[in-house]
Amino acid sequence: MRSLREFLSLLSGTHERAATVLAMNRRNLHYIYTRNERRHFPLADDKLLAKEVLVAAGVRMPETYRTYSYFYQLRNLEQDLDANHDFVIKPAQGSGGNGIIVIVGRSGRDWLGISGKIYTAYDLQKHISDIIFGVYSFDLGDRAIIESRITQHAEMEELSPLGLADVRVIMCDDFPVMSMTRVPTRQSDGKANLHQGALGVAIDIPTGVTTHARFLGQPIDRHPDSGIPLIGRTLPFWPEILELAQRAARAVPLKYLGVDISVSPDGPQLLEINVRPGLEIQNVNERGMLPILQAMTMKETSQDE
């Protein structure tokens, strides 16, 4: 089996290849469904289940303070939340950042969200009730997670002053294929979601240096809100980010997945894994994943779909 160092050396050689886009059908048929048994999908779809497996394998993740599965558990919510100054509320089975509330402190008896919004105890109780009811998980019953809030490394804060950026690494057979950081904007309302208007900033995997960026489908070289340059930046803790992504990939029986990581002042933490990572990362990187996957596996052909 190749080491990570050997694989990064191989990956560097793919830069000069003609960029061939990995289309959705090929991704599904050749990678997702051939490398991920359907019975293992819940490991990626349920954040609590994933956390149980990943933390046991030594993957660093935000601490879980509480979970809520039933409405009756909310009767003491205000007292429960008083135990922590800042925290994150998220649905266990949500996607795309939907249903997530980030609390950064108190405002009298109320709570202060990261965007400056004030939440009363009733607001938070209603939101958690919506999570349990399934509003953010396709009308399926869900669980609400209360977990520790990640503060960003100073260099990530400079790059992403309007919200928590994440680093997505596409992994195949436990090795990194392509990466980007997703940077919130005013357009995205502080969320790291490309479809809602976050920036996608490509990262060169061997070096950790940012190479390209896109905003609402268009190339860009500065943050549209802050004016901060986006290109030529080296992400902090890059070797540790790759090690964490590889540790997470090896901990689960899913061999094609996206790994989402945040960078705190004392190192990276895993946010979640995704068994159906999107393909927009190729546009952000201005090259396709197919030649990289072919070089890695030596099994795929260039046959058209």
C-alpha atoms as a PDB file:
ATOM      1  CA  MET A   1       0.000   0.000   0.000  1.00  0.00           C
ATOM      2  CA  ARG A   2       1.301   3.453  -0.878  1.00  0.00           C
ATOM      3  CA  SER A   3       2.184   5.860   1.917  1.00  0.00           C
ATOM      4  CA  LEU A   4       0.637   9.319   1.959  1.00  0.00           C
ATOM      5  CA  ARG A   5       4.008  10.833   0.972  1.00  0.00           C
ATOM      6  CA  GLU A   6       4.283   8.517  -2.042  1.00  0.00           C
ATOM      7  CA  PHE A   7       0.730   9.286  -3.082  1.00  0.00           C
ATOM      8  CA  LEU A   8       1.272  13.053  -2.902  1.00  0.00           C
ATOM      9  CA  SER A   9       4.284  12.622  -5.169  1.00  0.00           C
ATOM     10  CA  LEU A  10       2.118  10.758  -7.673  1.00  0.00           C
ATOM     11  CA  LEU A  11      -0.592  13.395  -7.385  1.00  0.00           C
ATOM     12  CA  SER A  12       1.834  16.195  -8.246  1.00  0.00           C
ATOM     13  CA  GLY A  13       2.382  14.616 -11.642  1.00  0.00           C
ATOM     14  CA  THR A  14      -1.254  14.957 -12.646  1.00  0.00           C
ATOM     15  CA  HIS A  15      -1.174  18.747 -12.897  1.00  0.00           C
ATOM     16  CA  GLU A  16       0.000  18.696 -16.504  1.00  0.00           C
ATOM     17  CA  ARG A  17      -2.656  16.245 -17.671  1.00  0.00           C
ATOM     18  CA  ALA A  18      -5.635  17.402 -19.662  1.00  0.00           C
ATOM     19  CA  ALA A  19      -8.407  18.128 -17.173  1.00  0.00           C
ATOM     20  CA  THR A  20     -11.186  15.587 -17.563  1.00  0.00           C
ATOM     21  CA  VAL A  21     -14.309  16.224 -15.547  1.00  0.00           C
ATOM     22  CA  LEU A  22     -15.729  13.480 -13.366  1.00  0.00           C
ATOM     23  CA  ALA A  23     -19.438  13.573 -14.213  1.00  0.00           C
ATOM     24  CA  MET A  24     -22.201  12.585 -11.808  1.00  0.00           C
ATOM     25  CA  ASN A  25     -23.059   9.262 -13.460  1.00  0.00           C
ATOM     26  CA  ARG A  26     -19.431   8.130 -13.497  1.00  0.00           C
ATOM     27  CA  ARG A  27     -18.949   9.299  -9.921  1.00  0.00           C
ATOM     28  CA  ASN A  28     -21.990   7.322  -8.776  1.00  0.00           C
ATOM     29  CA  LEU A  29     -21.381   4.145 -10.778  1.00  0.00           C
ATOM     30  CA  HIS A  30     -17.586   3.905 -10.633  1.00  0.00           C
ATOM     31  CA  TYR A  31     -16.801   5.361  -7.236  1.00  0.00           C
ATOM     32  CA  ILE A  32     -19.681   5.882  -4.799  1.00  0.00           C
ATOM     33  CA  TYR A  33     -21.563   2.620  -5.388  1.00  0.00           C
ATOM     34  CA  THR A  34     -18.541   0.432  -6.056  1.00  0.00           C
ATOM     35  CA  ARG A  35     -16.633   1.574  -2.972  1.00  0.00           C
ATOM     36  CA  ASN A  36     -19.460   2.245  -0.520  1.00  0.00           C
ATOM     37  CA  GLU A  37     -21.930  -0.444   0.448  1.00  0.00           C
ATOM     38  CA  ARG A  38     -25.395   0.985   0.928  1.00  0.00           C
ATOM     39  CA  ARG A  39     -25.652  -0.483   4.427  1.00  0.00           C
ATOM     40  CA  HIS A  40     -22.771   1.777   5.508  1.00  0.00           C
ATOM     41  CA  PHE A  41     -24.333   5.047   4.261  1.00  0.00           C
ATOM     42  CA  PRO A  42     -25.817   5.851   7.716  1.00  0.00           C
ATOM     43  CA  LEU A  43     -22.256   6.354   8.971  1.00  0.00           C
ATOM     44  CA  ALA A  44     -22.102   9.474   6.816  1.00  0.00           C
ATOM     45  CA  ASP A  45     -25.758  10.480   6.954  1.00  0.00           C
ATOM     46  CA  ASP A  46     -26.056  10.473  10.761  1.00  0.00           C
ATOM     47  CA  LYS A  47     -23.562  12.826  12.444  1.00  0.00           C
ATOM     48  CA  LEU A  48     -23.984  11.212  15.861  1.00  0.00           C
ATOM     49  CA  LEU A  49     -23.369   7.725  14.532  1.00  0.00           C
ATOM     50  CA  ALA A  50     -20.345   8.952  12.582  1.00  0.00           C
ATOM     51  CA  LYS A  51     -18.977  10.691  15.676  1.00  0.00           C
ATOM     52  CA  GLU A  52     -19.204   7.511  17.743  1.00  0.00           C
ATOM     53  CA  VAL A  53     -17.087   5.623  15.207  1.00  0.00           C
ATOM     54  CA  LEU A  54     -14.647   8.401  14.365  1.00  0.00           C
ATOM     55  CA  VAL A  55     -13.899   9.604  17.889  1.00  0.00           C
ATOM     56  CA  ALA A  56     -13.278   6.001  18.940  1.00  0.00           C
ATOM     57  CA  ALA A  57     -10.698   5.828  16.138  1.00  0.00           C
ATOM     58  CA  GLY A  58      -8.867   8.873  17.471  1.00  0.00           C
ATOM     59  CA  VAL A  59     -10.356  11.448  15.092  1.00  0.00           C
ATOM     60  CA  ARG A  60     -10.593  14.845  16.739  1.00  0.00           C
ATOM     61  CA  MET A  61     -14.123  16.319  16.585  1.00  0.00           C
ATOM     62  CA  PRO A  62     -16.158  18.938  18.484  1.00  0.00           C
ATOM     63  CA  GLU A  63     -17.347  17.767  21.906  1.00  0.00           C
ATOM     64  CA  THR A  64     -21.002  16.755  22.143  1.00  0.00           C
ATOM     65  CA  TYR A  65     -22.646  18.490  25.110  1.00  0.00           C
ATOM     66  CA  ARG A  66     -26.199  17.162  24.762  1.00  0.00           C
ATOM     67  CA  THR A  67     -28.560  15.477  22.329  1.00  0.00           C
ATOM     68  CA  TYR A  68     -32.344  15.767  22.080  1.00  0.00           C
ATOM     69  CA  SER A  69     -34.437  13.049  20.502  1.00  0.00           C
ATOM     70  CA  TYR A  70     -37.883  13.679  22.031  1.00  0.00           C
ATOM     71  CA  PHE A  71     -39.958  16.789  22.630  1.00  0.00           C
ATOM     72  CA  TYR A  72     -40.387  16.098  26.349  1.00  0.00           C
ATOM     73  CA  GLN A  73     -36.605  16.442  26.789  1.00  0.00           C
ATOM     74  CA  LEU A  74     -36.902  20.163  26.000  1.00  0.00           C
ATOM     75  CA  ARG A  75     -38.753  21.055  29.195  1.00  0.00           C
ATOM     76  CA  ASN A  76     -35.458  21.937  30.921  1.00  0.00           C
ATOM     77  CA  LEU A  77     -33.763  23.366  27.831  1.00  0.00           C
ATOM     78  CA  GLU A  78     -33.001  26.793  29.282  1.00  0.00           C
ATOM     79  CA  GLN A  79     -31.234  25.266  32.279  1.00  0.00           C
ATOM     80  CA  ASP A  80     -29.423  22.795  30.003  1.00  0.00           C
ATOM     81  CA  LEU A  81     -28.060  25.568  27.787  1.00  0.00           C
ATOM     82  CA  ASP A  82     -27.017  27.716  30.748  1.00  0.00           C
ATOM     83  CA  ALA A  83     -24.148  25.284  31.294  1.00  0.00           C
ATOM     84  CA  ASN A  84     -22.283  26.523  28.206  1.00  0.00           C
ATOM     85  CA  HIS A  85     -21.402  30.049  27.121  1.00  0.00           C
ATOM     86  CA  ASP A  86     -21.140  29.229  23.418  1.00  0.00           C
ATOM     87  CA  PHE A  87     -22.220  26.209  21.413  1.00  0.00           C
ATOM     88  CA  VAL A  88     -23.591  24.938  18.104  1.00  0.00           C
ATOM     89  CA  ILE A  89     -27.031  23.434  17.499  1.00  0.00           C
ATOM     90  CA  LYS A  90     -27.296  21.123  14.500  1.00  0.00           C
ATOM     91  CA  PRO A  91     -29.500  18.303  13.173  1.00  0.00           C
ATOM     92  CA  ALA A  92     -27.909  14.866  13.217  1.00  0.00           C
ATOM     93  CA  GLN A  93     -29.121  14.137   9.696  1.00  0.00           C
ATOM     94  CA  GLY A  94     -29.117  17.613   8.156  1.00  0.00           C
ATOM     95  CA  SER A  95     -27.143  18.590   5.069  1.00  0.00           C
ATOM     96  CA  GLY A  96     -25.828  21.696   3.363  1.00  0.00           C
ATOM     97  CA  GLY A  97     -25.517  23.580   6.629  1.00  0.00           C
ATOM     98  CA  ASN A  98     -29.292  23.720   7.020  1.00  0.00           C
ATOM     99  CA  GLY A  99     -30.632  23.837  10.551  1.00  0.00           C
ATOM    100  CA  ILE A 100     -27.350  24.926  12.144  1.00  0.00           C
ATOM    101  CA  ILE A 101     -27.347  27.742  14.695  1.00  0.00           C
ATOM    102  CA  VAL A 102     -24.065  29.036  16.123  1.00  0.00           C
ATOM    103  CA  ILE A 103     -24.299  30.697  19.535  1.00  0.00           C
ATOM    104  CA  VAL A 104     -21.346  32.889  20.552  1.00  0.00           C
ATOM    105  CA  GLY A 105     -22.519  34.181  23.934  1.00  0.00           C
ATOM    106  CA  ARG A 106     -25.310  35.625  26.044  1.00  0.00           C
ATOM    107  CA  SER A 107     -27.318  38.833  25.727  1.00  0.00           C
ATOM    108  CA  GLY A 108     -29.007  39.199  29.084  1.00  0.00           C
ATOM    109  CA  ARG A 109     -31.294  36.184  29.444  1.00  0.00           C
ATOM    110  CA  ASP A 110     -31.130  35.516  25.697  1.00  0.00           C
ATOM    111  CA  TRP A 111     -28.456  34.050  23.440  1.00  0.00           C
ATOM    112  CA  LEU A 112     -26.390  35.803  20.779  1.00  0.00           C
ATOM    113  CA  GLY A 113     -25.935  34.160  17.366  1.00  0.00           C
ATOM    114  CA  ILE A 114     -22.760  34.527  15.324  1.00  0.00           C
ATOM    115  CA  SER A 115     -24.519  36.888  12.882  1.00  0.00           C
ATOM    116  CA  GLY A 116     -25.682  39.139  15.726  1.00  0.00           C
ATOM    117  CA  LYS A 117     -29.194  37.721  15.889  1.00  0.00           C
ATOM    118  CA  ILE A 118     -30.751  37.404  19.338  1.00  0.00           C
ATOM    119  CA  TYR A 119     -32.388  34.083  20.265  1.00  0.00           C
ATOM    120  CA  THR A 120     -34.789  33.687  23.168  1.00  0.00           C
ATOM    121  CA  ALA A 121     -35.213  30.396  25.003  1.00  0.00           C
ATOM    122  CA  TYR A 122     -38.465  29.964  23.081  1.00  0.00           C
ATOM    123  CA  ASP A 123     -36.650  30.519  19.750  1.00  0.00           C
ATOM    124  CA  LEU A 124     -34.125  27.801  20.521  1.00  0.00           C
ATOM    125  CA  GLN A 125     -36.782  25.432  21.837  1.00  0.00           C
ATOM    126  CA  LYS A 126     -38.803  25.875  18.655  1.00  0.00           C
ATOM    127  CA  HIS A 127     -35.723  25.355  16.483  1.00  0.00           C
ATOM    128  CA  ILE A 128     -34.755  22.148  18.269  1.00  0.00           C
ATOM    129  CA  SER A 129     -38.370  20.983  18.038  1.00  0.00           C
ATOM    130  CA  ASP A 130     -38.203  21.535  14.271  1.00  0.00           C
ATOM    131  CA  ILE A 131     -35.029  19.449  14.117  1.00  0.00           C
ATOM    132  CA  ILE A 132     -36.653  16.578  16.031  1.00  0.00           C
ATOM    133  CA  PHE A 133     -39.738  16.817  13.839  1.00  0.00           C
ATOM    134  CA  GLY A 134     -37.566  16.402  10.730  1.00  0.00           C
ATOM    135  CA  VAL A 135     -37.754  19.855   9.142  1.00  0.00           C
ATOM    136  CA  TYR A 136     -34.085  19.640   8.124  1.00  0.00           C
ATOM    137  CA  SER A 137     -33.925  15.914   7.339  1.00  0.00           C
ATOM    138  CA  PHE A 138     -36.544  15.333   4.658  1.00  0.00           C
ATOM    139  CA  ASP A 139     -39.432  15.014   7.145  1.00  0.00           C
ATOM    140  CA  LEU A 140     -37.770  12.102   8.928  1.00  0.00           C
ATOM    141  CA  GLY A 141     -37.561  12.128  12.697  1.00  0.00           C
ATOM    142  CA  ASP A 142     -34.169  13.431  13.760  1.00  0.00           C
ATOM    143  CA  ARG A 143     -32.022  14.242  16.763  1.00  0.00           C
ATOM    144  CA  ALA A 144     -30.628  17.631  17.725  1.00  0.00           C
ATOM    145  CA  ILE A 145     -26.974  17.911  18.702  1.00  0.00           C
ATOM    146  CA  ILE A 146     -25.579  20.568  21.036  1.00  0.00           C
ATOM    147  CA  GLU A 147     -21.809  20.622  20.633  1.00  0.00           C
ATOM    148  CA  SER A 148     -18.790  22.824  21.282  1.00  0.00           C
ATOM    149  CA  ARG A 149     -18.203  25.782  18.996  1.00  0.00           C
ATOM    150  CA  ILE A 150     -14.971  25.824  17.025  1.00  0.00           C
ATOM    151  CA  THR A 151     -13.049  29.077  16.918  1.00  0.00           C
ATOM    152  CA  GLN A 152     -10.912  29.561  13.821  1.00  0.00           C
ATOM    153  CA  HIS A 153      -7.156  29.762  13.554  1.00  0.00           C
ATOM    154  CA  ALA A 154      -6.118  33.409  13.104  1.00  0.00           C
ATOM    155  CA  GLU A 155      -5.061  32.824   9.484  1.00  0.00           C
ATOM    156  CA  MET A 156      -8.411  31.196   8.687  1.00  0.00           C
ATOM    157  CA  GLU A 157     -10.198  34.049  10.457  1.00  0.00           C
ATOM    158  CA  GLU A 158      -8.391  36.530   8.199  1.00  0.00           C
ATOM    159  CA  LEU A 159      -9.412  34.503   5.151  1.00  0.00           C
ATOM    160  CA  SER A 160     -12.967  33.965   6.422  1.00  0.00           C
ATOM    161  CA  PRO A 161     -14.072  36.822   8.709  1.00  0.00           C
ATOM    162  CA  LEU A 162     -17.810  36.237   8.194  1.00  0.00           C
ATOM    163  CA  GLY A 163     -18.129  32.684   9.462  1.00  0.00           C
ATOM    164  CA  LEU A 164     -16.455  29.319   9.953  1.00  0.00           C
ATOM    165  CA  ALA A 165     -14.665  28.140   6.830  1.00  0.00           C
ATOM    166  CA  ASP A 166     -14.161  24.440   6.252  1.00  0.00           C
ATOM    167  CA  VAL A 167     -11.697  22.406   4.249  1.00  0.00           C
ATOM    168  CA  ARG A 168     -13.199  19.699   2.066  1.00  0.00           C
ATOM    169  CA  VAL A 169     -10.969  16.828   0.999  1.00  0.00           C
ATOM    170  CA  ILE A 170     -12.282  14.252  -1.479  1.00  0.00           C
ATOM    171  CA  MET A 171     -10.917  10.864  -0.446  1.00  0.00           C
ATOM    172  CA  CYS A 172     -10.758   7.705  -2.547  1.00  0.00           C
ATOM    173  CA  ASP A 173      -9.362   4.464  -1.177  1.00  0.00           C
ATOM    174  CA  ASP A 174      -8.143   6.448   1.863  1.00  0.00           C
ATOM    175  CA  PHE A 175      -6.080   8.941  -0.165  1.00  0.00           C
ATOM    176  CA  PRO A 176      -6.761  12.613  -0.993  1.00  0.00           C
ATOM    177  CA  VAL A 177      -7.890  13.366  -4.539  1.00  0.00           C
ATOM    178  CA  MET A 178      -8.857  17.056  -4.531  1.00  0.00           C
ATOM    179  CA  SER A 179      -9.390  19.773  -1.951  1.00  0.00           C
ATOM    180  CA  MET A 180     -10.822  23.232  -1.423  1.00  0.00           C
ATOM    181  CA  THR A 181     -11.777  25.522   1.408  1.00  0.00           C
ATOM    182  CA  ARG A 182     -15.323  26.878   1.476  1.00  0.00           C
ATOM    183  CA  VAL A 183     -15.401  30.447   2.755  1.00  0.00           C
ATOM    184  CA  PRO A 184     -18.625  32.129   3.949  1.00  0.00           C
ATOM    185  CA  THR A 185     -19.724  35.504   2.583  1.00  0.00           C
ATOM    186  CA  ARG A 186     -22.514  37.968   3.242  1.00  0.00           C
ATOM    187  CA  GLN A 187     -24.281  36.367   0.284  1.00  0.00           C
ATOM    188  CA  SER A 188     -24.169  32.963   2.019  1.00  0.00           C
ATOM    189  CA  ASP A 189     -25.281  34.439   5.352  1.00  0.00           C
ATOM    190  CA  GLY A 190     -22.125  33.199   7.034  1.00  0.00           C
ATOM    191  CA  LYS A 191     -22.517  29.591   5.847  1.00  0.00           C
ATOM    192  CA  ALA A 192     -19.821  27.602   4.060  1.00  0.00           C
ATOM    193  CA  ASN A 193     -22.189  26.440   1.314  1.00  0.00           C
ATOM    194  CA  LEU A 194     -21.249  27.111  -2.306  1.00  0.00           C
ATOM    195  CA  HIS A 195     -24.852  26.947  -3.519  1.00  0.00           C
ATOM    196  CA  GLN A 196     -25.823  29.655  -1.042  1.00  0.00           C
ATOM    197  CA  GLY A 197     -23.018  31.971  -2.128  1.00  0.00           C
ATOM    198  CA  ALA A 198     -19.894  30.878  -0.243  1.00  0.00           C
ATOM    199  CA  LEU A 199     -16.516  31.073  -1.965  1.00  0.00           C
ATOM    200  CA  GLY A 200     -14.748  27.966  -3.160  1.00  0.00           C
ATOM    201  CA  VAL A 201     -10.965  28.282  -2.898  1.00  0.00           C
ATOM    202  CA  ALA A 202      -8.873  25.501  -4.422  1.00  0.00           C
ATOM    203  CA  ILE A 203      -6.014  23.993  -2.431  1.00  0.00           C
ATOM    204  CA  ASP A 204      -2.991  22.295  -3.988  1.00  0.00           C
ATOM    205  CA  ILE A 205      -2.820  19.026  -2.061  1.00  0.00           C
ATOM    206  CA  PRO A 206       0.978  18.503  -2.038  1.00  0.00           C
ATOM    207  CA  THR A 207       1.684  22.029  -0.736  1.00  0.00           C
ATOM    208  CA  GLY A 208      -1.498  23.312   0.941  1.00  0.00           C
ATOM    209  CA  VAL A 209      -1.323  26.534  -1.102  1.00  0.00           C
ATOM    210  CA  THR A 210      -4.502  28.105  -2.500  1.00  0.00           C
ATOM    211  CA  THR A 211      -4.462  28.263  -6.300  1.00  0.00           C
ATOM    212  CA  HIS A 212      -7.877  29.338  -7.660  1.00  0.00           C
ATOM    213  CA  ALA A 213     -11.152  30.689  -6.327  1.00  0.00           C
ATOM    214  CA  ARG A 214     -14.735  31.010  -7.526  1.00  0.00           C
ATOM    215  CA  PHE A 215     -17.733  32.998  -6.328  1.00  0.00           C
ATOM    216  CA  LEU A 216     -21.215  32.307  -7.737  1.00  0.00           C
ATOM    217  CA  GLY A 217     -19.625  30.376 -10.599  1.00  0.00           C
ATOM    218  CA  GLN A 218     -17.135  33.089 -11.594  1.00  0.00           C
ATOM    219  CA  PRO A 219     -13.342  33.249 -11.065  1.00  0.00           C
ATOM    220  CA  ILE A 220     -12.276  35.627  -8.319  1.00  0.00           C
ATOM    221  CA  ASP A 221      -8.993  36.459  -6.582  1.00  0.00           C
ATOM    222  CA  ARG A 222     -10.185  38.534  -3.603  1.00  0.00           C
ATOM    223  CA  HIS A 223     -12.900  38.036  -1.012  1.00  0.00           C
ATOM    224  CA  PRO A 224     -15.916  40.018  -2.294  1.00  0.00           C
ATOM    225  CA  ASP A 225     -16.681  41.409   1.174  1.00  0.00           C
ATOM    226  CA  SER A 226     -13.309  41.925   2.856  1.00  0.00           C
ATOM    227  CA  GLY A 227     -11.044  42.352  -0.181  1.00  0.00           C
ATOM    228  CA  ILE A 228      -8.555  39.858   1.300  1.00  0.00           C
ATOM    229  CA  PRO A 229      -6.417  38.114  -1.383  1.00  0.00           C
ATOM    230  CA  LEU A 230      -7.462  34.481  -1.817  1.00  0.00           C
ATOM    231  CA  ILE A 231      -4.649  33.070  -3.946  1.00  0.00           C
ATOM    232  CA  GLY A 232      -1.184  31.990  -2.836  1.00  0.00           C
ATOM    233  CA  ARG A 233      -2.072  31.458   0.818  1.00  0.00           C
ATOM    234  CA  THR A 234      -0.739  28.429   2.696  1.00  0.00           C
ATOM    235  CA  LEU A 235      -3.323  26.883   4.996  1.00  0.00           C
ATOM    236  CA  PRO A 236      -2.196  26.442   8.605  1.00  0.00           C
ATOM    237  CA  PHE A 237      -1.683  22.865   9.839  1.00  0.00           C
ATOM    238  CA  TRP A 238      -1.891  21.513   6.271  1.00  0.00           C
ATOM    239  CA  PRO A 239       0.033  18.242   6.921  1.00  0.00           C
ATOM    240  CA  GLU A 240      -2.155  17.677   9.993  1.00  0.00           C
ATOM    241  CA  ILE A 241      -5.298  18.333   7.936  1.00  0.00           C
ATOM    242  CA  LEU A 242      -4.289  15.615   5.473  1.00  0.00           C
ATOM    243  CA  GLU A 243      -3.425  13.226   8.305  1.00  0.00           C
ATOM    244  CA  LEU A 244      -6.810  13.834   9.923  1.00  0.00           C
ATOM    245  CA  ALA A 245      -8.626  13.287   6.618  1.00  0.00           C
ATOM    246  CA  GLN A 246      -6.780  10.023   6.093  1.00  0.00           C
ATOM    247  CA  ARG A 247      -7.421   8.850   9.668  1.00  0.00           C
ATOM    248  CA  ALA A 248     -11.138   9.560   9.236  1.00  0.00           C
ATOM    249  CA  ALA A 249     -11.279   7.758   5.888  1.00  0.00           C
ATOM    250  CA  ARG A 250      -9.532   4.700   7.302  1.00  0.00           C
ATOM    251  CA  ALA A 251     -11.915   4.596  10.285  1.00  0.00           C
ATOM    252  CA  VAL A 252     -15.018   3.949   8.157  1.00  0.00           C
ATOM    253  CA  PRO A 253     -15.862   1.350   5.480  1.00  0.00           C
ATOM    254  CA  LEU A 254     -16.616   4.114   2.964  1.00  0.00           C
ATOM    255  CA  LYS A 255     -13.898   4.400   0.362  1.00  0.00           C
ATOM    256  CA  TYR A 256     -15.176   7.336  -1.670  1.00  0.00           C
ATOM    257  CA  LEU A 257     -16.262  10.275   0.454  1.00  0.00           C
ATOM    258  CA  GLY A 258     -15.834  13.938   1.273  1.00  0.00           C
ATOM    259  CA  VAL A 259     -14.201  14.864   4.561  1.00  0.00           C
ATOM    260  CA  ASP A 260     -14.977  18.322   5.998  1.00  0.00           C
ATOM    261  CA  ILE A 261     -12.493  19.813   8.452  1.00  0.00           C
ATOM    262  CA  SER A 262     -12.172  23.084  10.351  1.00  0.00           C
ATOM    263  CA  VAL A 263      -8.913  24.624  11.537  1.00  0.00           C
ATOM    264  CA  SER A 264      -8.808  25.850  15.127  1.00  0.00           C
ATOM    265  CA  PRO A 265      -5.841  27.584  16.819  1.00  0.00           C
ATOM    266  CA  ASP A 266      -4.552  24.260  18.149  1.00  0.00           C
ATOM    267  CA  GLY A 267      -5.099  22.179  15.032  1.00  0.00           C
ATOM    268  CA  PRO A 268      -7.735  20.674  12.722  1.00  0.00           C
ATOM    269  CA  GLN A 269     -11.023  19.136  13.825  1.00  0.00           C
ATOM    270  CA  LEU A 270     -13.313  17.011  11.723  1.00  0.00           C
ATOM    271  CA  LEU A 271     -16.802  18.403  11.167  1.00  0.00           C
ATOM    272  CA  GLU A 272     -18.421  15.606   9.185  1.00  0.00           C
ATOM    273  CA  ILE A 273     -18.048  13.093   6.376  1.00  0.00           C
ATOM    274  CA  ASN A 274     -20.172  13.017   3.230  1.00  0.00           C
ATOM    275  CA  VAL A 275     -20.772   9.925   1.124  1.00  0.00           C
ATOM    276  CA  ARG A 276     -22.062  11.978  -1.827  1.00  0.00           C
ATOM    277  CA  PRO A 277     -19.612  14.880  -2.093  1.00  0.00           C
ATOM    278  CA  GLY A 278     -20.489  17.355  -4.832  1.00  0.00           C
ATOM    279  CA  LEU A 279     -18.597  17.883  -8.060  1.00  0.00           C
ATOM    280  CA  GLU A 280     -18.315  21.681  -8.023  1.00  0.00           C
ATOM    281  CA  ILE A 281     -14.884  21.235  -6.460  1.00  0.00           C
ATOM    282  CA  GLN A 282     -13.616  20.541  -9.987  1.00  0.00           C
ATOM    283  CA  ASN A 283     -14.729  23.967 -11.224  1.00  0.00           C
ATOM    284  CA  VAL A 284     -13.119  25.568  -8.184  1.00  0.00           C
ATOM    285  CA  ASN A 285      -9.835  23.781  -8.948  1.00  0.00           C
ATOM    286  CA  GLU A 286     -10.195  24.438 -12.703  1.00  0.00           C
ATOM    287  CA  ARG A 287      -9.469  20.806 -13.518  1.00  0.00           C
ATOM    288  CA  GLY A 288     -11.242  17.494 -13.415  1.00  0.00           C
ATOM    289  CA  MET A 289     -10.833  14.682 -10.926  1.00  0.00           C
ATOM    290  CA  LEU A 290     -10.981  11.840 -13.430  1.00  0.00           C
ATOM    291  CA  PRO A 291      -7.283  11.885 -14.460  1.00  0.00           C
ATOM    292  CA  ILE A 292      -6.272  11.954 -10.791  1.00  0.00           C
ATOM    293  CA  LEU A 293      -8.513   8.995  -9.974  1.00  0.00           C
ATOM    294  CA  GLN A 294      -7.251   7.118 -13.015  1.00  0.00           C
ATOM    295  CA  ALA A 295      -3.643   7.746 -12.048  1.00  0.00           C
ATOM    296  CA  MET A 296      -4.384   6.569  -8.548  1.00  0.00           C
ATOM    297  CA  THR A 297      -6.312   3.403  -9.291  1.00  0.00           C
ATOM    298  CA  MET A 298      -4.782   2.474 -12.644  1.00  0.00           C
ATOM    299  CA  LYS A 299      -8.098   0.692 -13.323  1.00  0.00           C
ATOM    300  CA  GLU A 300     -10.440   3.238 -14.869  1.00  0.00           C
ATOM    301  CA  THR A 301     -10.615   3.658 -18.626  1.00  0.00           C
ATOM    302  CA  SER A 302     -11.272   6.815 -20.622  1.00  0.00           C
ATOM    303  CA  GLN A 303     -14.464   5.334 -22.088  1.00  0.00           C
ATOM    304  CA  ASP A 304     -17.214   7.929 -22.454  1.00  0.00           C
ATOM    305  CA  GLU A 305     -20.367   7.524 -20.402  1.00  0.00           C
END
